Amino acid sequence: MNKKTNKYHQNLVDEPGYVNHMPASHSPIYPIAGVPQPNQYVTGLDPVFVQHLSRHQGQKIAVMTTGGRIEGINAGVAIDHIQINVEDRSTHIRISQIIYFEGPLASYRK
């Protein structure tokens, strides 16, 4: 077998219990005994913007954030952040900090 090994292993992500202050339809985050932490994870959601970002997974994009511009491969989109791979490192950017992004031309018509 000559399988290509992915050196960037992705672990499962705990999804928030609430989205836009409404109960989410998936598992909440549970606290660990003895470790002080919140038991609710609340995030705002821009569903159309997240959908547009997800359509560019695997493509080179440029993201303008409140901290500046980042260019790289859109390696993944989660409910609260995206992962941009830049050369030999990955950068995780909170969606709430993105002003806009640029990617290859895309048509959203079916």
N, C-alpha and C. Protein backbone atom coordinates (compact mmCIF):
# COMPACT_ATOMS: atom_id res chain seq x y z
N MET A 1 0.83 -1.19 0.00
CA MET A 1 0.00 0.00 0.00
C MET A 1 0.87 1.24 0.00
N ASN A 2 0.55 2.14 -0.87
CA ASN A 2 1.30 3.37 -0.97
C ASN A 2 0.37 4.54 -0.67
N LYS A 3 -0.06 4.62 0.59
CA LYS A 3 -0.97 5.69 0.99
C LYS A 3 -0.18 6.94 1.33
N LYS A 4 -0.72 8.07 0.92
CA LYS A 4 -0.10 9.34 1.25
C LYS A 4 -0.49 9.69 2.68
N THR A 5 0.48 9.96 3.53
CA THR A 5 0.22 10.28 4.92
C THR A 5 0.05 11.78 5.09
N ASN A 6 -1.01 12.15 5.78
CA ASN A 6 -1.27 13.56 6.06
C ASN A 6 -0.56 13.92 7.36
N LYS A 7 0.47 14.76 7.28
CA LYS A 7 1.21 15.11 8.49
C LYS A 7 0.47 16.12 9.35
N TYR A 8 -0.60 16.70 8.85
CA TYR A 8 -1.41 17.63 9.61
C TYR A 8 -2.69 16.94 10.06
N HIS A 9 -2.58 16.09 11.07
CA HIS A 9 -3.72 15.34 11.59
C HIS A 9 -4.73 16.30 12.23
N GLN A 10 -5.99 16.16 11.90
CA GLN A 10 -7.04 17.00 12.45
C GLN A 10 -7.78 16.24 13.53
N ASN A 11 -7.84 16.79 14.73
CA ASN A 11 -8.60 16.21 15.82
C ASN A 11 -10.03 16.72 15.77
N LEU A 12 -10.91 15.99 16.41
CA LEU A 12 -12.31 16.42 16.47
C LEU A 12 -12.41 17.74 17.21
N VAL A 13 -13.36 18.57 16.83
CA VAL A 13 -13.57 19.88 17.44
C VAL A 13 -14.89 19.85 18.20
N ASP A 14 -14.86 20.34 19.45
CA ASP A 14 -16.10 20.49 20.20
C ASP A 14 -16.85 21.68 19.64
N GLU A 15 -18.08 21.46 19.27
CA GLU A 15 -18.91 22.54 18.73
C GLU A 15 -19.57 23.29 19.88
N PRO A 16 -19.94 24.54 19.68
CA PRO A 16 -20.56 25.32 20.75
C PRO A 16 -21.94 24.80 21.10
N GLY A 17 -22.33 24.98 22.37
CA GLY A 17 -23.66 24.60 22.81
C GLY A 17 -24.71 25.58 22.35
N TYR A 18 -24.28 26.82 22.09
CA TYR A 18 -25.20 27.85 21.65
C TYR A 18 -24.63 28.57 20.44
N VAL A 19 -25.46 28.88 19.47
CA VAL A 19 -25.08 29.66 18.30
C VAL A 19 -26.07 30.81 18.21
N ASN A 20 -25.55 32.04 18.21
CA ASN A 20 -26.40 33.23 18.23
C ASN A 20 -27.43 33.17 19.37
N HIS A 21 -26.97 32.75 20.53
CA HIS A 21 -27.77 32.68 21.76
C HIS A 21 -28.94 31.72 21.67
N MET A 22 -28.87 30.77 20.75
CA MET A 22 -29.90 29.73 20.61
C MET A 22 -29.22 28.38 20.81
N PRO A 23 -29.90 27.41 21.45
CA PRO A 23 -29.28 26.10 21.64
C PRO A 23 -28.89 25.48 20.29
N ALA A 24 -27.68 24.95 20.22
CA ALA A 24 -27.22 24.28 19.01
C ALA A 24 -27.78 22.87 18.98
N SER A 25 -27.79 22.30 17.79
CA SER A 25 -28.38 20.97 17.64
C SER A 25 -27.35 19.86 17.80
N HIS A 26 -26.19 20.16 18.37
CA HIS A 26 -25.18 19.14 18.58
C HIS A 26 -24.71 19.16 20.02
N SER A 27 -23.75 18.34 20.35
CA SER A 27 -23.32 18.13 21.73
C SER A 27 -22.72 19.39 22.36
N PRO A 28 -23.12 19.68 23.59
CA PRO A 28 -22.49 20.80 24.31
C PRO A 28 -21.11 20.39 24.84
N ILE A 29 -20.34 21.37 25.27
CA ILE A 29 -19.05 21.12 25.89
C ILE A 29 -19.28 20.87 27.37
N TYR A 30 -18.69 19.81 27.90
CA TYR A 30 -18.84 19.48 29.31
C TYR A 30 -17.56 19.82 30.07
N PRO A 31 -17.69 20.40 31.27
CA PRO A 31 -16.49 20.75 32.04
C PRO A 31 -15.80 19.49 32.56
N ILE A 32 -14.50 19.62 32.80
CA ILE A 32 -13.70 18.55 33.38
C ILE A 32 -13.60 18.81 34.87
N ALA A 33 -13.86 17.80 35.68
CA ALA A 33 -13.83 17.96 37.13
C ALA A 33 -12.48 18.49 37.58
N GLY A 34 -12.50 19.47 38.47
CA GLY A 34 -11.26 20.01 39.02
C GLY A 34 -10.59 21.07 38.16
N VAL A 35 -11.09 21.31 36.96
CA VAL A 35 -10.51 22.32 36.08
C VAL A 35 -11.54 23.42 35.88
N PRO A 36 -11.28 24.61 36.43
CA PRO A 36 -12.27 25.68 36.25
C PRO A 36 -12.35 26.12 34.79
N GLN A 37 -13.53 26.08 34.25
CA GLN A 37 -13.75 26.49 32.86
C GLN A 37 -15.24 26.71 32.64
N PRO A 38 -15.59 27.55 31.68
CA PRO A 38 -17.01 27.74 31.41
C PRO A 38 -17.60 26.45 30.81
N ASN A 39 -18.88 26.23 31.07
CA ASN A 39 -19.50 25.05 30.47
C ASN A 39 -20.40 25.42 29.31
N GLN A 40 -20.36 26.67 28.89
CA GLN A 40 -21.06 27.09 27.70
C GLN A 40 -20.10 27.84 26.80
N TYR A 41 -20.12 27.51 25.55
CA TYR A 41 -19.28 28.16 24.56
C TYR A 41 -20.22 28.89 23.62
N VAL A 42 -20.18 30.21 23.63
CA VAL A 42 -21.10 31.01 22.84
C VAL A 42 -20.31 31.72 21.74
N THR A 43 -20.81 31.67 20.52
CA THR A 43 -20.17 32.36 19.41
C THR A 43 -21.22 32.94 18.49
N GLY A 44 -20.89 34.08 17.88
CA GLY A 44 -21.77 34.63 16.85
C GLY A 44 -21.52 33.86 15.56
N LEU A 45 -22.46 33.87 14.68
CA LEU A 45 -22.32 33.11 13.44
C LEU A 45 -22.84 33.92 12.27
N ASP A 46 -22.02 34.04 11.24
CA ASP A 46 -22.43 34.63 9.97
C ASP A 46 -22.52 33.49 8.97
N PRO A 47 -23.66 32.82 8.87
CA PRO A 47 -23.75 31.58 8.10
C PRO A 47 -23.39 31.72 6.63
N VAL A 48 -23.76 32.80 5.99
CA VAL A 48 -23.46 32.95 4.56
C VAL A 48 -21.96 33.18 4.37
N PHE A 49 -21.35 33.99 5.22
CA PHE A 49 -19.91 34.24 5.12
C PHE A 49 -19.12 32.96 5.36
N VAL A 50 -19.52 32.17 6.36
CA VAL A 50 -18.86 30.89 6.63
C VAL A 50 -19.03 29.95 5.43
N GLN A 51 -20.21 29.95 4.82
CA GLN A 51 -20.44 29.11 3.65
C GLN A 51 -19.54 29.55 2.49
N HIS A 52 -19.40 30.84 2.28
CA HIS A 52 -18.53 31.34 1.21
C HIS A 52 -17.08 30.94 1.47
N LEU A 53 -16.62 31.06 2.72
CA LEU A 53 -15.27 30.64 3.06
C LEU A 53 -15.08 29.15 2.81
N SER A 54 -16.09 28.35 3.16
CA SER A 54 -15.96 26.90 3.02
C SER A 54 -15.91 26.47 1.56
N ARG A 55 -16.47 27.26 0.66
CA ARG A 55 -16.42 26.94 -0.76
C ARG A 55 -15.01 27.10 -1.33
N HIS A 56 -14.14 27.76 -0.59
CA HIS A 56 -12.76 27.98 -1.04
C HIS A 56 -11.76 27.11 -0.30
N GLN A 57 -12.22 26.04 0.38
CA GLN A 57 -11.29 25.14 1.05
C GLN A 57 -10.38 24.48 0.03
N GLY A 58 -9.09 24.40 0.39
CA GLY A 58 -8.11 23.80 -0.49
C GLY A 58 -7.56 24.76 -1.53
N GLN A 59 -8.04 25.99 -1.53
CA GLN A 59 -7.60 26.98 -2.51
C GLN A 59 -6.76 28.06 -1.84
N LYS A 60 -5.94 28.73 -2.63
CA LYS A 60 -5.16 29.85 -2.12
C LYS A 60 -6.08 31.06 -2.00
N ILE A 61 -6.09 31.66 -0.81
CA ILE A 61 -6.90 32.85 -0.58
C ILE A 61 -6.06 33.88 0.18
N ALA A 62 -6.55 35.11 0.19
CA ALA A 62 -5.97 36.18 1.00
C ALA A 62 -7.07 36.65 1.95
N VAL A 63 -6.72 36.79 3.21
CA VAL A 63 -7.68 37.19 4.22
C VAL A 63 -7.21 38.50 4.84
N MET A 64 -8.08 39.50 4.83
CA MET A 64 -7.78 40.76 5.51
C MET A 64 -8.42 40.70 6.88
N THR A 65 -7.59 40.79 7.90
CA THR A 65 -8.08 40.73 9.28
C THR A 65 -7.86 42.08 9.94
N THR A 66 -8.35 42.21 11.14
CA THR A 66 -8.14 43.43 11.91
C THR A 66 -6.65 43.61 12.22
N GLY A 67 -5.86 42.54 12.12
CA GLY A 67 -4.42 42.61 12.37
C GLY A 67 -3.58 42.70 11.12
N GLY A 68 -4.18 42.57 9.94
CA GLY A 68 -3.43 42.65 8.70
C GLY A 68 -3.84 41.56 7.72
N ARG A 69 -3.08 41.48 6.63
CA ARG A 69 -3.40 40.56 5.52
C ARG A 69 -2.59 39.27 5.66
N ILE A 70 -3.24 38.13 5.41
CA ILE A 70 -2.60 36.82 5.43
C ILE A 70 -2.97 36.09 4.16
N GLU A 71 -1.97 35.52 3.48
CA GLU A 71 -2.20 34.76 2.25
C GLU A 71 -1.71 33.33 2.45
N GLY A 72 -2.50 32.38 1.97
CA GLY A 72 -2.13 30.98 2.06
C GLY A 72 -3.26 30.09 1.58
N ILE A 73 -3.15 28.81 1.90
CA ILE A 73 -4.15 27.83 1.50
C ILE A 73 -5.21 27.72 2.60
N ASN A 74 -6.47 27.82 2.19
CA ASN A 74 -7.58 27.65 3.13
C ASN A 74 -7.68 26.17 3.46
N ALA A 75 -7.14 25.78 4.61
CA ALA A 75 -7.07 24.37 4.99
C ALA A 75 -8.30 23.88 5.73
N GLY A 76 -9.11 24.78 6.24
CA GLY A 76 -10.29 24.34 6.95
C GLY A 76 -11.11 25.49 7.47
N VAL A 77 -12.42 25.25 7.60
CA VAL A 77 -13.35 26.25 8.10
C VAL A 77 -14.15 25.61 9.23
N ALA A 78 -14.11 26.24 10.40
CA ALA A 78 -14.91 25.78 11.54
C ALA A 78 -15.96 26.85 11.82
N ILE A 79 -16.76 26.62 12.81
CA ILE A 79 -17.85 27.54 13.10
C ILE A 79 -17.35 28.89 13.61
N ASP A 80 -16.16 28.92 14.22
CA ASP A 80 -15.66 30.16 14.79
C ASP A 80 -14.31 30.62 14.25
N HIS A 81 -13.65 29.80 13.43
CA HIS A 81 -12.35 30.20 12.90
C HIS A 81 -12.04 29.46 11.61
N ILE A 82 -11.01 29.94 10.91
CA ILE A 82 -10.51 29.24 9.73
C ILE A 82 -9.03 28.93 9.94
N GLN A 83 -8.53 27.97 9.19
CA GLN A 83 -7.11 27.63 9.23
C GLN A 83 -6.51 27.96 7.87
N ILE A 84 -5.49 28.80 7.87
CA ILE A 84 -4.75 29.15 6.66
C ILE A 84 -3.35 28.57 6.79
N ASN A 85 -2.95 27.72 5.85
CA ASN A 85 -1.60 27.18 5.86
C ASN A 85 -0.70 28.10 5.05
N VAL A 86 0.34 28.59 5.70
CA VAL A 86 1.31 29.50 5.09
C VAL A 86 2.68 28.83 5.19
N GLU A 87 3.19 28.38 4.04
CA GLU A 87 4.48 27.69 3.96
C GLU A 87 4.53 26.52 4.94
N ASP A 88 5.28 26.64 6.03
CA ASP A 88 5.47 25.51 6.94
C ASP A 88 4.71 25.65 8.26
N ARG A 89 3.72 26.53 8.30
CA ARG A 89 2.96 26.70 9.54
C ARG A 89 1.48 26.90 9.21
N SER A 90 0.65 26.69 10.21
CA SER A 90 -0.77 26.95 10.04
C SER A 90 -1.17 28.11 10.94
N THR A 91 -2.06 28.94 10.43
CA THR A 91 -2.55 30.10 11.16
C THR A 91 -4.04 29.93 11.36
N HIS A 92 -4.49 30.09 12.57
CA HIS A 92 -5.91 29.97 12.89
C HIS A 92 -6.45 31.37 13.15
N ILE A 93 -7.47 31.76 12.38
CA ILE A 93 -8.00 33.12 12.42
C ILE A 93 -9.46 33.07 12.84
N ARG A 94 -9.80 33.83 13.84
CA ARG A 94 -11.20 33.92 14.26
C ARG A 94 -12.01 34.61 13.17
N ILE A 95 -13.14 34.02 12.85
CA ILE A 95 -13.99 34.58 11.80
C ILE A 95 -14.44 35.99 12.17
N SER A 96 -14.63 36.25 13.46
CA SER A 96 -15.06 37.59 13.89
C SER A 96 -13.99 38.66 13.61
N GLN A 97 -12.74 38.24 13.34
CA GLN A 97 -11.66 39.20 13.07
C GLN A 97 -11.42 39.40 11.57
N ILE A 98 -12.17 38.69 10.73
CA ILE A 98 -12.00 38.81 9.28
C ILE A 98 -12.85 39.97 8.77
N ILE A 99 -12.21 40.85 8.00
CA ILE A 99 -12.92 41.96 7.37
C ILE A 99 -13.44 41.51 6.01
N TYR A 100 -12.57 40.87 5.21
CA TYR A 100 -12.97 40.30 3.93
C TYR A 100 -11.93 39.28 3.51
N PHE A 101 -12.26 38.49 2.49
CA PHE A 101 -11.26 37.58 1.93
C PHE A 101 -11.34 37.63 0.42
N GLU A 102 -10.22 37.28 -0.22
CA GLU A 102 -10.15 37.22 -1.68
C GLU A 102 -9.74 35.81 -2.06
N GLY A 103 -10.39 35.28 -3.10
CA GLY A 103 -10.05 33.96 -3.59
C GLY A 103 -10.27 33.88 -5.08
N PRO A 104 -10.10 32.69 -5.64
CA PRO A 104 -10.34 32.52 -7.08
C PRO A 104 -11.78 32.87 -7.42
N LEU A 105 -11.98 33.25 -8.69
CA LEU A 105 -13.35 33.54 -9.13
C LEU A 105 -14.25 32.35 -8.87
N ALA A 106 -15.45 32.62 -8.40
CA ALA A 106 -16.40 31.55 -8.10
C ALA A 106 -17.79 32.02 -8.48
N SER A 107 -18.59 31.08 -8.94
CA SER A 107 -19.98 31.36 -9.24
C SER A 107 -20.83 30.58 -8.23
N TYR A 108 -21.81 31.23 -7.66
CA TYR A 108 -22.64 30.59 -6.66
C TYR A 108 -23.99 30.17 -7.21
N ARG A 109 -24.12 30.22 -8.52
CA ARG A 109 -25.36 29.73 -9.16
C ARG A 109 -25.26 28.24 -9.36
N LYS A 110 -26.40 27.58 -9.36
CA LYS A 110 -26.42 26.14 -9.61
C LYS A 110 -26.83 25.86 -11.00
